[in-house]
C-alpha atoms as a PDB file:
ATOM      1  CA  MET A   1     -10.129  24.093 -32.235  1.00  0.00           C
ATOM      2  CA  ALA A   2      -6.528  24.014 -32.713  1.00  0.00           C
ATOM      3  CA  THR A   3      -5.527  20.857 -33.272  1.00  0.00           C
ATOM      4  CA  PRO A   4      -1.647  19.513 -32.773  1.00  0.00           C
ATOM      5  CA  LYS A   5       0.044  19.034 -36.312  1.00  0.00           C
ATOM      6  CA  LYS A   6       2.681  16.107 -35.604  1.00  0.00           C
ATOM      7  CA  ALA A   7       1.915  13.412 -32.738  1.00  0.00           C
ATOM      8  CA  THR A   8       3.964  13.441 -29.714  1.00  0.00           C
ATOM      9  CA  SER A   9       6.903  11.137 -29.403  1.00  0.00           C
ATOM     10  CA  SER A  10       7.302   9.316 -26.642  1.00  0.00           C
ATOM     11  CA  ARG A  11      10.707  10.916 -25.553  1.00  0.00           C
ATOM     12  CA  ARG A  12       9.159  13.996 -24.847  1.00  0.00           C
ATOM     13  CA  LYS A  13       6.236  12.495 -23.225  1.00  0.00           C
ATOM     14  CA  GLY A  14       8.250  10.776 -21.512  1.00  0.00           C
ATOM     15  CA  LEU A  15      10.915  14.185 -20.303  1.00  0.00           C
ATOM     16  CA  ARG A  16       7.144  15.884 -19.644  1.00  0.00           C
ATOM     17  CA  HIS A  17       6.047  13.401 -17.164  1.00  0.00           C
ATOM     18  CA  ALA A  18      10.092  12.462 -15.647  1.00  0.00           C
ATOM     19  CA  GLY A  19       9.928  15.034 -12.887  1.00  0.00           C
ATOM     20  CA  GLN A  20       7.106  13.544 -11.367  1.00  0.00           C
ATOM     21  CA  THR A  21       8.934  10.103  -9.879  1.00  0.00           C
ATOM     22  CA  HIS A  22       8.212  11.585  -6.935  1.00  0.00           C
ATOM     23  CA  LYS A  23       5.085  10.847  -7.020  1.00  0.00           C
ATOM     24  CA  LEU A  24       4.933   7.901  -7.227  1.00  0.00           C
ATOM     25  CA  TYR A  25       6.763   6.240  -3.983  1.00  0.00           C
ATOM     26  CA  VAL A  26       5.482   9.002  -1.425  1.00  0.00           C
ATOM     27  CA  THR A  27       3.877   6.335   1.384  1.00  0.00           C
ATOM     28  CA  GLN A  28       1.879   8.461   4.046  1.00  0.00           C
ATOM     29  CA  THR A  29       2.198   6.558   7.683  1.00  0.00           C
ATOM     30  CA  ALA A  30      -0.018   6.749  10.823  1.00  0.00           C
ATOM     31  CA  SER A  31       0.522   4.681  14.020  1.00  0.00           C
ATOM     32  CA  CYS A  32      -2.217   2.710  15.156  1.00  0.00           C
ATOM     33  CA  PRO A  33      -4.323   3.137  17.874  1.00  0.00           C
ATOM     34  CA  ASN A  34      -4.356  -0.367  19.354  1.00  0.00           C
ATOM     35  CA  CYS A  35      -0.415  -1.185  19.360  1.00  0.00           C
ATOM     36  CA  GLN A  36       1.320   2.230  18.356  1.00  0.00           C
ATOM     37  CA  GLU A  37       2.438   0.362  15.458  1.00  0.00           C
ATOM     38  CA  MET A  38       3.422   2.473  11.686  1.00  0.00           C
ATOM     39  CA  MET A  39       0.704   1.777   9.502  1.00  0.00           C
ATOM     40  CA  ARG A  40      -0.989   2.853   6.543  1.00  0.00           C
ATOM     41  CA  PRO A  41      -3.878   5.832   7.102  1.00  0.00           C
ATOM     42  CA  HIS A  42      -7.591   4.023   5.782  1.00  0.00           C
ATOM     43  CA  ALA A  43      -6.127   0.506   5.974  1.00  0.00           C
ATOM     44  CA  ALA A  44      -6.151  -2.101   8.824  1.00  0.00           C
ATOM     45  CA  CYS A  45      -3.250  -2.503  10.872  1.00  0.00           C
ATOM     46  CA  PRO A  46      -0.825  -5.696   9.552  1.00  0.00           C
ATOM     47  CA  VAL A  47       0.740  -6.059  13.086  1.00  0.00           C
ATOM     48  CA  CYS A  48      -2.519  -6.452  15.065  1.00  0.00           C
ATOM     49  CA  GLY A  49      -5.432  -6.856  12.343  1.00  0.00           C
ATOM     50  CA  TYR A  50      -7.450  -3.472  14.298  1.00  0.00           C
ATOM     51  CA  TYR A  51      -9.066  -0.626  12.053  1.00  0.00           C
ATOM     52  CA  LYS A  52     -11.026   2.288  13.566  1.00  0.00           C
ATOM     53  CA  GLY A  53     -10.963   0.633  17.566  1.00  0.00           C
ATOM     54  CA  LYS A  54     -12.482  -3.254  15.505  1.00  0.00           C
ATOM     55  CA  ALA A  55     -11.314  -5.882  14.422  1.00  0.00           C
ATOM     56  CA  ALA A  56     -11.155  -6.166  10.855  1.00  0.00           C
ATOM     57  CA  VAL A  57      -8.876  -8.805  10.107  1.00  0.00           C
ATOM     58  CA  GLU A  58      -7.007 -12.118  12.114  1.00  0.00           C
ATOM     59  CA  ILE A  59      -3.368 -12.057  11.864  1.00  0.00           C
ATOM     60  CA  LYS A  60      -2.000 -15.515  11.798  1.00  0.00           C
ATOM     61  CA  THR A  61       1.388 -15.790  13.523  1.00  0.00           C
ATOM     62  CA  LYS A  62       4.093 -17.885  11.628  1.00  0.00           C
ATOM     63  CA  ALA A  63       3.745 -20.721  14.749  1.00  0.00           C
ATOM     64  CA  ALA A  64       0.108 -20.910  14.602  1.00  0.00           C
ATOM     65  CA  ALA A  65       0.562 -20.745  10.596  1.00  0.00           C
ATOM     66  CA  GLU A  66       2.565 -23.981  11.065  1.00  0.00           C
ATOM     67  CA  GLU A  67       0.664 -25.708  13.339  1.00  0.00           C
ATOM     68  CA  GLU A  68      -2.200 -25.438  10.923  1.00  0.00           C
ATOM     69  CA  THR A  69      -0.528 -27.162   8.401  1.00  0.00           C
ATOM     70  CA  SER A  70       0.527 -29.755  10.358  1.00  0.00           C
ATOM     71  CA  THR A  71      -3.071 -30.464  11.782  1.00  0.00           C
ATOM     72  CA  ALA A  72      -4.089 -30.147   8.130  1.00  0.00           C
ATOM     73  CA  LYS A  73      -2.038 -33.081   6.934  1.00  0.00           C
END
């Protein structure tokens, strides 16, 4: 089996990977079936907290978070 005679330099390796930066930043979005906001697929909705028709995450609003911190003090 053939082996390389010289190590691949970081510059040559970087040039080989340079054209693939578009793959790093592609984000797919889908609409939430509960609130119709845009969200990432296969994840809970950041607006309403539902995933596959069920409440998965409790979303706190800014006002509710402030009330909770003020009552805890």
